[in-house]
């Protein structure tokens, strides 16, 4: 199963969905598209997603969003728990798109970044 955390208003997210359906999903795996703005992730789901992504938690946070500043978050001082809670409460802060496959995840910025989930190099 392939899961895509998607925002239909985002061109990168739409491009990533297109890449999955036309290029990378040759085995016709089931694809679940989660519109995370309509169905926000819980803190536990965000922690699991972060574990699959690896790397710093801040990589999955859209720090340029107004909500990030409005919440008083700072990249140098925000704790992981503060960031998880912020994303759960304000899903617009979740980086997009994120594709999950076989227990691994990648952020599709640029969309070609997801190639690693399909054992390809972009």
PDB file of N, CA and C in Angstrom:
ATOM      1  N   UNK A   1       0.840  -1.181   0.000  1.00  0.00           N
ATOM      2  CA  UNK A   1       0.000   0.000   0.000  1.00  0.00           C
ATOM      3  C   UNK A   1       0.882   1.240   0.000  1.00  0.00           C
ATOM      4  N   UNK A   2       0.481   2.212  -0.772  1.00  0.00           N
ATOM      5  CA  UNK A   2       1.141   3.508  -0.843  1.00  0.00           C
ATOM      6  C   UNK A   2       0.177   4.520  -0.240  1.00  0.00           C
ATOM      7  N   UNK A   3       0.680   5.350   0.676  1.00  0.00           N
ATOM      8  CA  UNK A   3      -0.135   6.404   1.258  1.00  0.00           C
ATOM      9  C   UNK A   3       0.480   7.734   0.881  1.00  0.00           C
ATOM     10  N   UNK A   4      -0.358   8.646   0.421  1.00  0.00           N
ATOM     11  CA  UNK A   4       0.108   9.988   0.066  1.00  0.00           C
ATOM     12  C   UNK A   4      -0.641  10.987   0.937  1.00  0.00           C
ATOM     13  N   UNK A   5       0.108  11.720   1.749  1.00  0.00           N
ATOM     14  CA  UNK A   5      -0.466  12.811   2.537  1.00  0.00           C
ATOM     15  C   UNK A   5      -0.464  14.023   1.622  1.00  0.00           C
ATOM     16  N   UNK A   6      -1.647  14.447   1.221  1.00  0.00           N
ATOM     17  CA  UNK A   6      -1.842  15.300   0.066  1.00  0.00           C
ATOM     18  C   UNK A   6      -2.632  16.556   0.395  1.00  0.00           C
ATOM     19  N   UNK A   7      -2.263  17.642  -0.267  1.00  0.00           N
ATOM     20  CA  UNK A   7      -3.017  18.887  -0.240  1.00  0.00           C
ATOM     21  C   UNK A   7      -3.323  19.221  -1.694  1.00  0.00           C
ATOM     22  N   UNK A   8      -4.582  19.122  -2.075  1.00  0.00           N
ATOM     23  CA  UNK A   8      -4.980  19.307  -3.475  1.00  0.00           C
ATOM     24  C   UNK A   8      -4.671  20.697  -4.006  1.00  0.00           C
ATOM     25  N   UNK A   9      -4.500  21.671  -3.143  1.00  0.00           N
ATOM     26  CA  UNK A   9      -4.190  23.035  -3.591  1.00  0.00           C
ATOM     27  C   UNK A   9      -2.707  23.248  -3.867  1.00  0.00           C
ATOM     28  N   UNK A  10      -1.883  22.265  -3.553  1.00  0.00           N
ATOM     29  CA  UNK A  10      -0.431  22.392  -3.696  1.00  0.00           C
ATOM     30  C   UNK A  10       0.029  21.738  -5.004  1.00  0.00           C
ATOM     31  N   UNK A  11       0.723  22.492  -5.833  1.00  0.00           N
ATOM     32  CA  UNK A  11       1.176  21.961  -7.126  1.00  0.00           C
ATOM     33  C   UNK A  11       2.179  20.822  -6.948  1.00  0.00           C
ATOM     34  N   UNK A  12       3.047  20.897  -5.947  1.00  0.00           N
ATOM     35  CA  UNK A  12       4.008  19.818  -5.697  1.00  0.00           C
ATOM     36  C   UNK A  12       3.281  18.544  -5.286  1.00  0.00           C
ATOM     37  N   UNK A  13       2.239  18.702  -4.502  1.00  0.00           N
ATOM     38  CA  UNK A  13       1.466  17.553  -4.060  1.00  0.00           C
ATOM     39  C   UNK A  13       0.741  16.915  -5.247  1.00  0.00           C
ATOM     40  N   UNK A  14       0.146  17.732  -6.088  1.00  0.00           N
ATOM     41  CA  UNK A  14      -0.531  17.200  -7.274  1.00  0.00           C
ATOM     42  C   UNK A  14       0.470  16.513  -8.197  1.00  0.00           C
ATOM     43  N   UNK A  15       1.643  17.098  -8.376  1.00  0.00           N
ATOM     44  CA  UNK A  15       2.677  16.490  -9.224  1.00  0.00           C
ATOM     45  C   UNK A  15       3.147  15.157  -8.664  1.00  0.00           C
ATOM     46  N   UNK A  16       3.265  15.077  -7.358  1.00  0.00           N
ATOM     47  CA  UNK A  16       3.687  13.833  -6.721  1.00  0.00           C
ATOM     48  C   UNK A  16       2.646  12.743  -6.928  1.00  0.00           C
ATOM     49  N   UNK A  17       1.384  13.072  -6.751  1.00  0.00           N
ATOM     50  CA  UNK A  17       0.308  12.092  -6.995  1.00  0.00           C
ATOM     51  C   UNK A  17       0.370  11.599  -8.435  1.00  0.00           C
ATOM     52  N   UNK A  18       0.605  12.497  -9.359  1.00  0.00           N
ATOM     53  CA  UNK A  18       0.698  12.136 -10.775  1.00  0.00           C
ATOM     54  C   UNK A  18       1.891  11.215 -11.020  1.00  0.00           C
ATOM     55  N   UNK A  19       3.040  11.525 -10.423  1.00  0.00           N
ATOM     56  CA  UNK A  19       4.231  10.671 -10.577  1.00  0.00           C
ATOM     57  C   UNK A  19       3.977   9.261 -10.046  1.00  0.00           C
ATOM     58  N   UNK A  20       3.324   9.170  -8.902  1.00  0.00           N
ATOM     59  CA  UNK A  20       3.031   7.850  -8.346  1.00  0.00           C
ATOM     60  C   UNK A  20       2.152   7.065  -9.311  1.00  0.00           C
ATOM     61  N   UNK A  21       1.101   7.702  -9.813  1.00  0.00           N
ATOM     62  CA  UNK A  21       0.151   6.961 -10.645  1.00  0.00           C
ATOM     63  C   UNK A  21       0.674   6.658 -12.046  1.00  0.00           C
ATOM     64  N   UNK A  22       1.534   7.501 -12.595  1.00  0.00           N
ATOM     65  CA  UNK A  22       1.962   7.291 -13.984  1.00  0.00           C
ATOM     66  C   UNK A  22       3.358   6.699 -14.140  1.00  0.00           C
ATOM     67  N   UNK A  23       4.202   6.865 -13.139  1.00  0.00           N
ATOM     68  CA  UNK A  23       5.596   6.469 -13.311  1.00  0.00           C
ATOM     69  C   UNK A  23       6.064   5.414 -12.320  1.00  0.00           C
ATOM     70  N   UNK A  24       5.848   5.657 -11.037  1.00  0.00           N
ATOM     71  CA  UNK A  24       6.471   4.816 -10.026  1.00  0.00           C
ATOM     72  C   UNK A  24       5.665   3.594  -9.618  1.00  0.00           C
ATOM     73  N   UNK A  25       4.367   3.641  -9.692  1.00  0.00           N
ATOM     74  CA  UNK A  25       3.538   2.545  -9.203  1.00  0.00           C
ATOM     75  C   UNK A  25       3.281   1.517 -10.307  1.00  0.00           C
ATOM     76  N   UNK A  26       4.341   0.934 -10.813  1.00  0.00           N
ATOM     77  CA  UNK A  26       4.233  -0.041 -11.904  1.00  0.00           C
ATOM     78  C   UNK A  26       3.519  -1.324 -11.476  1.00  0.00           C
ATOM     79  N   UNK A  27       3.580  -1.643 -10.183  1.00  0.00           N
ATOM     80  CA  UNK A  27       2.946  -2.872  -9.693  1.00  0.00           C
ATOM     81  C   UNK A  27       1.463  -2.658  -9.364  1.00  0.00           C
ATOM     82  N   UNK A  28       0.963  -1.462  -9.642  1.00  0.00           N
ATOM     83  CA  UNK A  28      -0.438  -1.130  -9.356  1.00  0.00           C
ATOM     84  C   UNK A  28      -0.824  -1.397  -7.912  1.00  0.00           C
ATOM     85  N   UNK A  29       0.063  -1.003  -6.991  1.00  0.00           N
ATOM     86  CA  UNK A  29      -0.240  -1.120  -5.569  1.00  0.00           C
ATOM     87  C   UNK A  29      -1.425  -0.216  -5.237  1.00  0.00           C
ATOM     88  N   UNK A  30      -2.153  -0.594  -4.217  1.00  0.00           N
ATOM     89  CA  UNK A  30      -3.252   0.221  -3.737  1.00  0.00           C
ATOM     90  C   UNK A  30      -2.692   1.543  -3.233  1.00  0.00           C
ATOM     91  N   UNK A  31      -3.325   2.650  -3.610  1.00  0.00           N
ATOM     92  CA  UNK A  31      -2.888   3.981  -3.192  1.00  0.00           C
ATOM     93  C   UNK A  31      -3.997   4.617  -2.364  1.00  0.00           C
ATOM     94  N   UNK A  32      -3.627   5.059  -1.181  1.00  0.00           N
ATOM     95  CA  UNK A  32      -4.546   5.802  -0.324  1.00  0.00           C
ATOM     96  C   UNK A  32      -4.086   7.254  -0.300  1.00  0.00           C
ATOM     97  N   UNK A  33      -4.966   8.142  -0.696  1.00  0.00           N
ATOM     98  CA  UNK A  33      -4.664   9.574  -0.656  1.00  0.00           C
ATOM     99  C   UNK A  33      -5.371  10.158   0.557  1.00  0.00           C
ATOM    100  N   UNK A  34      -4.568  10.714   1.461  1.00  0.00           N
ATOM    101  CA  UNK A  34      -5.105  11.295   2.686  1.00  0.00           C
ATOM    102  C   UNK A  34      -5.009  12.813   2.562  1.00  0.00           C
ATOM    103  N   UNK A  35      -6.157  13.460   2.515  1.00  0.00           N
ATOM    104  CA  UNK A  35      -6.179  14.919   2.513  1.00  0.00           C
ATOM    105  C   UNK A  35      -6.073  15.362   3.965  1.00  0.00           C
ATOM    106  N   UNK A  36      -4.838  15.559   4.403  1.00  0.00           N
ATOM    107  CA  UNK A  36      -4.553  15.768   5.820  1.00  0.00           C
ATOM    108  C   UNK A  36      -5.122  17.074   6.370  1.00  0.00           C
ATOM    109  N   UNK A  37      -5.487  18.025   5.503  1.00  0.00           N
ATOM    110  CA  UNK A  37      -6.131  19.235   6.008  1.00  0.00           C
ATOM    111  C   UNK A  37      -7.567  18.932   6.444  1.00  0.00           C
ATOM    112  N   UNK A  38      -8.199  17.950   5.797  1.00  0.00           N
ATOM    113  CA  UNK A  38      -9.555  17.535   6.157  1.00  0.00           C
ATOM    114  C   UNK A  38      -9.544  16.476   7.248  1.00  0.00           C
ATOM    115  N   UNK A  39      -8.487  15.658   7.259  1.00  0.00           N
ATOM    116  CA  UNK A  39      -8.344  14.581   8.232  1.00  0.00           C
ATOM    117  C   UNK A  39      -6.967  14.709   8.881  1.00  0.00           C
ATOM    118  N   UNK A  40      -6.842  15.613   9.855  1.00  0.00           N
ATOM    119  CA  UNK A  40      -5.528  15.848  10.474  1.00  0.00           C
ATOM    120  C   UNK A  40      -4.979  14.599  11.162  1.00  0.00           C
ATOM    121  N   UNK A  41      -3.666  14.485  11.163  1.00  0.00           N
ATOM    122  CA  UNK A  41      -3.005  13.376  11.837  1.00  0.00           C
ATOM    123  C   UNK A  41      -2.925  13.653  13.327  1.00  0.00           C
ATOM    124  N   UNK A  42      -2.965  12.588  14.105  1.00  0.00           N
ATOM    125  CA  UNK A  42      -2.789  12.704  15.548  1.00  0.00           C
ATOM    126  C   UNK A  42      -1.299  12.823  15.856  1.00  0.00           C
ATOM    127  N   UNK A  43      -0.997  13.167  17.091  1.00  0.00           N
ATOM    128  CA  UNK A  43       0.400  13.235  17.514  1.00  0.00           C
ATOM    129  C   UNK A  43       1.073  11.882  17.315  1.00  0.00           C
ATOM    130  N   UNK A  44       0.400  10.797  17.685  1.00  0.00           N
ATOM    131  CA  UNK A  44       0.994   9.459  17.513  1.00  0.00           C
ATOM    132  C   UNK A  44       1.238   9.144  16.039  1.00  0.00           C
ATOM    133  N   UNK A  45       0.307   9.509  15.175  1.00  0.00           N
ATOM    134  CA  UNK A  45       0.505   9.281  13.740  1.00  0.00           C
ATOM    135  C   UNK A  45       1.665  10.115  13.213  1.00  0.00           C
ATOM    136  N   UNK A  46       1.793  11.333  13.689  1.00  0.00           N
ATOM    137  CA  UNK A  46       2.908  12.195  13.269  1.00  0.00           C
ATOM    138  C   UNK A  46       4.243  11.628  13.726  1.00  0.00           C
ATOM    139  N   UNK A  47       4.281  11.080  14.932  1.00  0.00           N
ATOM    140  CA  UNK A  47       5.519  10.470  15.432  1.00  0.00           C
ATOM    141  C   UNK A  47       5.906   9.272  14.570  1.00  0.00           C
ATOM    142  N   UNK A  48       4.925   8.455  14.210  1.00  0.00           N
ATOM    143  CA  UNK A  48       5.201   7.290  13.359  1.00  0.00           C
ATOM    144  C   UNK A  48       5.678   7.737  11.972  1.00  0.00           C
ATOM    145  N   UNK A  49       5.053   8.769  11.440  1.00  0.00           N
ATOM    146  CA  UNK A  49       5.456   9.293  10.139  1.00  0.00           C
ATOM    147  C   UNK A  49       6.877   9.838  10.192  1.00  0.00           C
ATOM    148  N   UNK A  50       7.194  10.560  11.247  1.00  0.00           N
ATOM    149  CA  UNK A  50       8.544  11.096  11.413  1.00  0.00           C
ATOM    150  C   UNK A  50       9.575   9.976  11.487  1.00  0.00           C
ATOM    151  N   UNK A  51       9.245   8.911  12.191  1.00  0.00           N
ATOM    152  CA  UNK A  51      10.169   7.771  12.294  1.00  0.00           C
ATOM    153  C   UNK A  51      10.436   7.169  10.910  1.00  0.00           C
ATOM    154  N   UNK A  52       9.415   7.118  10.066  1.00  0.00           N
ATOM    155  CA  UNK A  52       9.597   6.567   8.716  1.00  0.00           C
ATOM    156  C   UNK A  52      10.400   7.514   7.832  1.00  0.00           C
ATOM    157  N   UNK A  53      10.271   8.805   8.075  1.00  0.00           N
ATOM    158  CA  UNK A  53      11.025   9.785   7.290  1.00  0.00           C
ATOM    159  C   UNK A  53      12.498   9.800   7.686  1.00  0.00           C
ATOM    160  N   UNK A  54      12.757   9.639   8.991  1.00  0.00           N
ATOM    161  CA  UNK A  54      14.115   9.826   9.470  1.00  0.00           C
ATOM    162  C   UNK A  54      14.433  11.313   9.388  1.00  0.00           C
ATOM    163  N   UNK A  55      15.606  11.692   9.757  1.00  0.00           N
ATOM    164  CA  UNK A  55      15.983  13.100   9.667  1.00  0.00           C
ATOM    165  C   UNK A  55      15.346  13.945  10.749  1.00  0.00           C
ATOM    166  N   UNK A  56      15.684  15.221  10.754  1.00  0.00           N
ATOM    167  CA  UNK A  56      15.154  16.127  11.774  1.00  0.00           C
ATOM    168  C   UNK A  56      13.651  16.326  11.651  1.00  0.00           C
ATOM    169  N   UNK A  57      12.983  16.446  12.778  1.00  0.00           N
ATOM    170  CA  UNK A  57      11.545  16.680  12.793  1.00  0.00           C
ATOM    171  C   UNK A  57      11.196  17.960  12.045  1.00  0.00           C
ATOM    172  N   UNK A  58      12.039  18.958  12.149  1.00  0.00           N
ATOM    173  CA  UNK A  58      11.766  20.237  11.508  1.00  0.00           C
ATOM    174  C   UNK A  58      11.619  20.111   9.987  1.00  0.00           C
ATOM    175  N   UNK A  59      12.183  19.042   9.408  1.00  0.00           N
ATOM    176  CA  UNK A  59      12.030  18.825   7.964  1.00  0.00           C
ATOM    177  C   UNK A  59      10.576  18.626   7.556  1.00  0.00           C
ATOM    178  N   UNK A  60       9.757  18.144   8.468  1.00  0.00           N
ATOM    179  CA  UNK A  60       8.354  17.902   8.122  1.00  0.00           C
ATOM    180  C   UNK A  60       7.439  19.042   8.548  1.00  0.00           C
ATOM    181  N   UNK A  61       8.039  20.180   8.926  1.00  0.00           N
ATOM    182  CA  UNK A  61       7.273  21.342   9.359  1.00  0.00           C
ATOM    183  C   UNK A  61       7.420  22.470   8.337  1.00  0.00           C
ATOM    184  N   UNK A  62       6.302  23.056   7.970  1.00  0.00           N
ATOM    185  CA  UNK A  62       6.306  24.214   7.075  1.00  0.00           C
ATOM    186  C   UNK A  62       6.492  25.468   7.926  1.00  0.00           C
ATOM    187  N   UNK A  63       7.745  25.839   8.127  1.00  0.00           N
ATOM    188  CA  UNK A  63       8.073  26.959   9.008  1.00  0.00           C
ATOM    189  C   UNK A  63       7.714  28.315   8.403  1.00  0.00           C
ATOM    190  N   UNK A  64       7.404  28.345   7.119  1.00  0.00           N
ATOM    191  CA  UNK A  64       7.062  29.610   6.472  1.00  0.00           C
ATOM    192  C   UNK A  64       5.575  29.951   6.574  1.00  0.00           C
ATOM    193  N   UNK A  65       4.782  29.079   7.165  1.00  0.00           N
ATOM    194  CA  UNK A  65       3.352  29.338   7.319  1.00  0.00           C
ATOM    195  C   UNK A  65       3.113  30.338   8.451  1.00  0.00           C
ATOM    196  N   UNK A  66       2.085  31.158   8.289  1.00  0.00           N
ATOM    197  CA  UNK A  66       1.742  32.176   9.290  1.00  0.00           C
ATOM    198  C   UNK A  66       1.481  31.549  10.659  1.00  0.00           C
ATOM    199  N   UNK A  67       0.875  30.364  10.673  1.00  0.00           N
ATOM    200  CA  UNK A  67       0.564  29.691  11.933  1.00  0.00           C
ATOM    201  C   UNK A  67       1.827  29.387  12.737  1.00  0.00           C
ATOM    202  N   UNK A  68       2.912  29.076  12.030  1.00  0.00           N
ATOM    203  CA  UNK A  68       4.172  28.772  12.709  1.00  0.00           C
ATOM    204  C   UNK A  68       4.612  29.972  13.553  1.00  0.00           C
ATOM    205  N   UNK A  69       4.608  31.141  12.942  1.00  0.00           N
ATOM    206  CA  UNK A  69       4.986  32.362  13.665  1.00  0.00           C
ATOM    207  C   UNK A  69       3.955  32.723  14.721  1.00  0.00           C
ATOM    208  N   UNK A  70       2.683  32.597  14.370  1.00  0.00           N
ATOM    209  CA  UNK A  70       1.616  32.964  15.305  1.00  0.00           C
ATOM    210  C   UNK A  70       1.667  32.130  16.582  1.00  0.00           C
ATOM    211  N   UNK A  71       2.127  30.895  16.462  1.00  0.00           N
ATOM    212  CA  UNK A  71       2.236  30.023  17.630  1.00  0.00           C
ATOM    213  C   UNK A  71       3.497  30.296  18.444  1.00  0.00           C
ATOM    214  N   UNK A  72       4.333  31.204  17.950  1.00  0.00           N
ATOM    215  CA  UNK A  72       5.562  31.545  18.670  1.00  0.00           C
ATOM    216  C   UNK A  72       6.620  30.459  18.592  1.00  0.00           C
ATOM    217  N   UNK A  73       6.537  29.625  17.570  1.00  0.00           N
ATOM    218  CA  UNK A  73       7.512  28.544  17.428  1.00  0.00           C
ATOM    219  C   UNK A  73       8.810  29.092  16.862  1.00  0.00           C
ATOM    220  N   UNK A  74       9.892  28.503  17.298  1.00  0.00           N
ATOM    221  CA  UNK A  74      11.214  28.907  16.836  1.00  0.00           C
ATOM    222  C   UNK A  74      12.033  27.648  16.579  1.00  0.00           C
ATOM    223  N   UNK A  75      12.664  27.578  15.420  1.00  0.00           N
ATOM    224  CA  UNK A  75      13.420  26.383  15.032  1.00  0.00           C
ATOM    225  C   UNK A  75      14.502  26.026  16.048  1.00  0.00           C
ATOM    226  N   UNK A  76      15.039  27.010  16.728  1.00  0.00           N
ATOM    227  CA  UNK A  76      16.130  26.755  17.665  1.00  0.00           C
ATOM    228  C   UNK A  76      15.666  26.347  19.061  1.00  0.00           C
ATOM    229  N   UNK A  77      14.406  26.643  19.390  1.00  0.00           N
ATOM    230  CA  UNK A  77      13.981  26.361  20.763  1.00  0.00           C
ATOM    231  C   UNK A  77      12.736  25.479  20.880  1.00  0.00           C
ATOM    232  N   UNK A  78      12.014  25.267  19.795  1.00  0.00           N
ATOM    233  CA  UNK A  78      10.804  24.440  19.880  1.00  0.00           C
ATOM    234  C   UNK A  78      11.182  22.987  20.160  1.00  0.00           C
ATOM    235  N   UNK A  79      10.470  22.384  21.092  1.00  0.00           N
ATOM    236  CA  UNK A  79      10.705  20.971  21.393  1.00  0.00           C
ATOM    237  C   UNK A  79       9.948  20.107  20.385  1.00  0.00           C
ATOM    238  N   UNK A  80      10.332  18.844  20.304  1.00  0.00           N
ATOM    239  CA  UNK A  80       9.624  17.929  19.421  1.00  0.00           C
ATOM    240  C   UNK A  80       8.150  17.862  19.794  1.00  0.00           C
ATOM    241  N   UNK A  81       7.854  17.782  21.087  1.00  0.00           N
ATOM    242  CA  UNK A  81       6.451  17.700  21.514  1.00  0.00           C
ATOM    243  C   UNK A  81       5.667  18.941  21.097  1.00  0.00           C
ATOM    244  N   UNK A  82       6.280  20.119  21.200  1.00  0.00           N
ATOM    245  CA  UNK A  82       5.608  21.339  20.761  1.00  0.00           C
ATOM    246  C   UNK A  82       5.322  21.284  19.262  1.00  0.00           C
ATOM    247  N   UNK A  83       6.277  20.782  18.494  1.00  0.00           N
ATOM    248  CA  UNK A  83       6.091  20.695  17.043  1.00  0.00           C
ATOM    249  C   UNK A  83       5.014  19.681  16.679  1.00  0.00           C
ATOM    250  N   UNK A  84       5.032  18.508  17.315  1.00  0.00           N
ATOM    251  CA  UNK A  84       3.984  17.511  17.051  1.00  0.00           C
ATOM    252  C   UNK A  84       2.604  18.081  17.371  1.00  0.00           C
ATOM    253  N   UNK A  85       2.475  18.717  18.523  1.00  0.00           N
ATOM    254  CA  UNK A  85       1.186  19.294  18.928  1.00  0.00           C
ATOM    255  C   UNK A  85       0.755  20.390  17.960  1.00  0.00           C
ATOM    256  N   UNK A  86       1.706  21.203  17.521  1.00  0.00           N
ATOM    257  CA  UNK A  86       1.389  22.286  16.592  1.00  0.00           C
ATOM    258  C   UNK A  86       0.867  21.736  15.265  1.00  0.00           C
ATOM    259  N   UNK A  87       1.523  20.709  14.741  1.00  0.00           N
ATOM    260  CA  UNK A  87       1.084  20.120  13.468  1.00  0.00           C
ATOM    261  C   UNK A  87      -0.283  19.449  13.636  1.00  0.00           C
ATOM    262  N   UNK A  88      -0.476  18.737  14.743  1.00  0.00           N
ATOM    263  CA  UNK A  88      -1.758  18.071  14.976  1.00  0.00           C
ATOM    264  C   UNK A  88      -2.896  19.085  15.074  1.00  0.00           C
ATOM    265  N   UNK A  89      -2.629  20.221  15.690  1.00  0.00           N
ATOM    266  CA  UNK A  89      -3.650  21.255  15.862  1.00  0.00           C
ATOM    267  C   UNK A  89      -3.798  22.152  14.630  1.00  0.00           C
ATOM    268  N   UNK A  90      -2.723  22.287  13.880  1.00  0.00           N
ATOM    269  CA  UNK A  90      -2.697  23.166  12.702  1.00  0.00           C
ATOM    270  C   UNK A  90      -2.074  22.378  11.544  1.00  0.00           C
ATOM    271  N   UNK A  91      -2.853  21.497  10.918  1.00  0.00           N
ATOM    272  CA  UNK A  91      -2.291  20.598   9.905  1.00  0.00           C
ATOM    273  C   UNK A  91      -1.647  21.299   8.710  1.00  0.00           C
ATOM    274  N   UNK A  92      -1.935  22.574   8.512  1.00  0.00           N
ATOM    275  CA  UNK A  92      -1.285  23.311   7.428  1.00  0.00           C
ATOM    276  C   UNK A  92       0.239  23.357   7.640  1.00  0.00           C
ATOM    277  N   UNK A  93       0.680  23.084   8.860  1.00  0.00           N
ATOM    278  CA  UNK A  93       2.110  23.099   9.163  1.00  0.00           C
ATOM    279  C   UNK A  93       2.841  21.840   8.692  1.00  0.00           C
ATOM    280  N   UNK A  94       2.095  20.817   8.298  1.00  0.00           N
ATOM    281  CA  UNK A  94       2.736  19.581   7.832  1.00  0.00           C
ATOM    282  C   UNK A  94       3.295  19.789   6.431  1.00  0.00           C
ATOM    283  N   UNK A  95       4.549  19.474   6.260  1.00  0.00           N
ATOM    284  CA  UNK A  95       5.176  19.547   4.934  1.00  0.00           C
ATOM    285  C   UNK A  95       4.420  18.639   3.982  1.00  0.00           C
ATOM    286  N   UNK A  96       4.368  19.011   2.739  1.00  0.00           N
ATOM    287  CA  UNK A  96       3.600  18.238   1.769  1.00  0.00           C
ATOM    288  C   UNK A  96       4.304  18.156   0.443  1.00  0.00           C
ATOM    289  N   UNK A  97       3.987  17.146  -0.275  1.00  0.00           N
ATOM    290  CA  UNK A  97       3.311  15.920   0.107  1.00  0.00           C
ATOM    291  C   UNK A  97       4.289  14.974   0.791  1.00  0.00           C
ATOM    292  N   UNK A  98       3.762  14.012   1.491  1.00  0.00           N
ATOM    293  CA  UNK A  98       4.585  12.951   2.064  1.00  0.00           C
ATOM    294  C   UNK A  98       4.024  11.635   1.547  1.00  0.00           C
ATOM    295  N   UNK A  99       4.923  10.800   1.014  1.00  0.00           N
ATOM    296  CA  UNK A  99       4.531   9.503   0.483  1.00  0.00           C
ATOM    297  C   UNK A  99       5.126   8.421   1.377  1.00  0.00           C
ATOM    298  N   UNK A 100       4.294   7.430   1.715  1.00  0.00           N
ATOM    299  CA  UNK A 100       4.722   6.307   2.557  1.00  0.00           C
ATOM    300  C   UNK A 100       4.559   5.027   1.759  1.00  0.00           C
ATOM    301  N   UNK A 101       5.605   4.202   1.803  1.00  0.00           N
ATOM    302  CA  UNK A 101       5.560   2.898   1.132  1.00  0.00           C
ATOM    303  C   UNK A 101       6.515   1.946   1.835  1.00  0.00           C
ATOM    304  N   UNK A 102       6.050   0.762   2.134  1.00  0.00           N
ATOM    305  CA  UNK A 102       6.883  -0.285   2.739  1.00  0.00           C
ATOM    306  C   UNK A 102       7.636   0.189   3.978  1.00  0.00           C
ATOM    307  N   UNK A 103       6.968   0.929   4.829  1.00  0.00           N
ATOM    308  CA  UNK A 103       7.567   1.362   6.090  1.00  0.00           C
ATOM    309  C   UNK A 103       8.566   2.490   5.975  1.00  0.00           C
ATOM    310  N   UNK A 104       8.659   3.077   4.795  1.00  0.00           N
ATOM    311  CA  UNK A 104       9.551   4.223   4.590  1.00  0.00           C
ATOM    312  C   UNK A 104       8.726   5.384   4.060  1.00  0.00           C
ATOM    313  N   UNK A 105       9.225   6.603   4.256  1.00  0.00           N
ATOM    314  CA  UNK A 105       8.509   7.785   3.791  1.00  0.00           C
ATOM    315  C   UNK A 105       9.492   8.767   3.175  1.00  0.00           C
ATOM    316  N   UNK A 106       8.957   9.622   2.295  1.00  0.00           N
ATOM    317  CA  UNK A 106       9.758  10.677   1.673  1.00  0.00           C
ATOM    318  C   UNK A 106       8.860  11.880   1.431  1.00  0.00           C
ATOM    319  N   UNK A 107       9.455  13.045   1.563  1.00  0.00           N
ATOM    320  CA  UNK A 107       8.751  14.287   1.275  1.00  0.00           C
ATOM    321  C   UNK A 107       8.944  14.596  -0.204  1.00  0.00           C
ATOM    322  N   UNK A 108       7.861  14.849  -0.901  1.00  0.00           N
ATOM    323  CA  UNK A 108       7.904  15.087  -2.340  1.00  0.00           C
ATOM    324  C   UNK A 108       8.163  16.529  -2.702  1.00  0.00           C
ATOM    325  N   UNK A 109       9.214  17.092  -2.176  1.00  0.00           N
ATOM    326  CA  UNK A 109       9.644  18.458  -2.512  1.00  0.00           C
ATOM    327  C   UNK A 109      11.114  18.399  -2.846  1.00  0.00           C
ATOM    328  N   UNK A 110      11.463  18.283  -4.091  1.00  0.00           N
ATOM    329  CA  UNK A 110      10.623  18.202  -5.279  1.00  0.00           C
ATOM    330  C   UNK A 110       9.980  16.815  -5.399  1.00  0.00           C
ATOM    331  N   UNK A 111       8.973  16.692  -6.258  1.00  0.00           N
ATOM    332  CA  UNK A 111       8.262  15.421  -6.384  1.00  0.00           C
ATOM    333  C   UNK A 111       9.167  14.224  -6.672  1.00  0.00           C
ATOM    334  N   UNK A 112      10.241  14.430  -7.372  1.00  0.00           N
ATOM    335  CA  UNK A 112      11.155  13.336  -7.713  1.00  0.00           C
ATOM    336  C   UNK A 112      11.827  12.721  -6.496  1.00  0.00           C
ATOM    337  N   UNK A 113      11.773  13.384  -5.343  1.00  0.00           N
ATOM    338  CA  UNK A 113      12.366  12.833  -4.111  1.00  0.00           C
ATOM    339  C   UNK A 113      11.755  11.496  -3.715  1.00  0.00           C
ATOM    340  N   UNK A 114      10.532  11.239  -4.161  1.00  0.00           N
ATOM    341  CA  UNK A 114       9.882   9.988  -3.761  1.00  0.00           C
ATOM    342  C   UNK A 114      10.436   8.775  -4.498  1.00  0.00           C
ATOM    343  N   UNK A 115      11.269   8.998  -5.483  1.00  0.00           N
ATOM    344  CA  UNK A 115      11.858   7.887  -6.253  1.00  0.00           C
ATOM    345  C   UNK A 115      12.547   6.884  -5.345  1.00  0.00           C
ATOM    346  N   UNK A 116      13.121   7.350  -4.241  1.00  0.00           N
ATOM    347  CA  UNK A 116      13.841   6.446  -3.338  1.00  0.00           C
ATOM    348  C   UNK A 116      12.931   5.377  -2.742  1.00  0.00           C
ATOM    349  N   UNK A 117      11.641   5.654  -2.665  1.00  0.00           N
ATOM    350  CA  UNK A 117      10.699   4.671  -2.132  1.00  0.00           C
ATOM    351  C   UNK A 117      10.411   3.549  -3.122  1.00  0.00           C
ATOM    352  N   UNK A 118      10.782   3.781  -4.344  1.00  0.00           N
ATOM    353  CA  UNK A 118      10.533   2.796  -5.416  1.00  0.00           C
ATOM    354  C   UNK A 118      11.847   2.271  -5.957  1.00  0.00           C
ATOM    355  N   UNK A 119      12.900   2.358  -5.126  1.00  0.00           N
ATOM    356  CA  UNK A 119      14.238   1.858  -5.458  1.00  0.00           C
ATOM    357  C   UNK A 119      14.761   2.446  -6.763  1.00  0.00           C
ATOM    358  N   UNK A 120      14.496   3.734  -6.930  1.00  0.00           N
ATOM    359  CA  UNK A 120      15.000   4.457  -8.088  1.00  0.00           C
ATOM    360  C   UNK A 120      15.724   5.696  -7.595  1.00  0.00           C
ATOM    361  N   UNK A 121      16.582   6.197  -8.413  1.00  0.00           N
ATOM    362  CA  UNK A 121      17.268   7.440  -8.104  1.00  0.00           C
ATOM    363  C   UNK A 121      16.716   8.494  -9.031  1.00  0.00           C
ATOM    364  N   UNK A 122      16.322   9.618  -8.448  1.00  0.00           N
ATOM    365  CA  UNK A 122      15.742  10.696  -9.265  1.00  0.00           C
ATOM    366  C   UNK A 122      16.796  11.353 -10.132  1.00  0.00           C
TER     367      UNK A 122
END
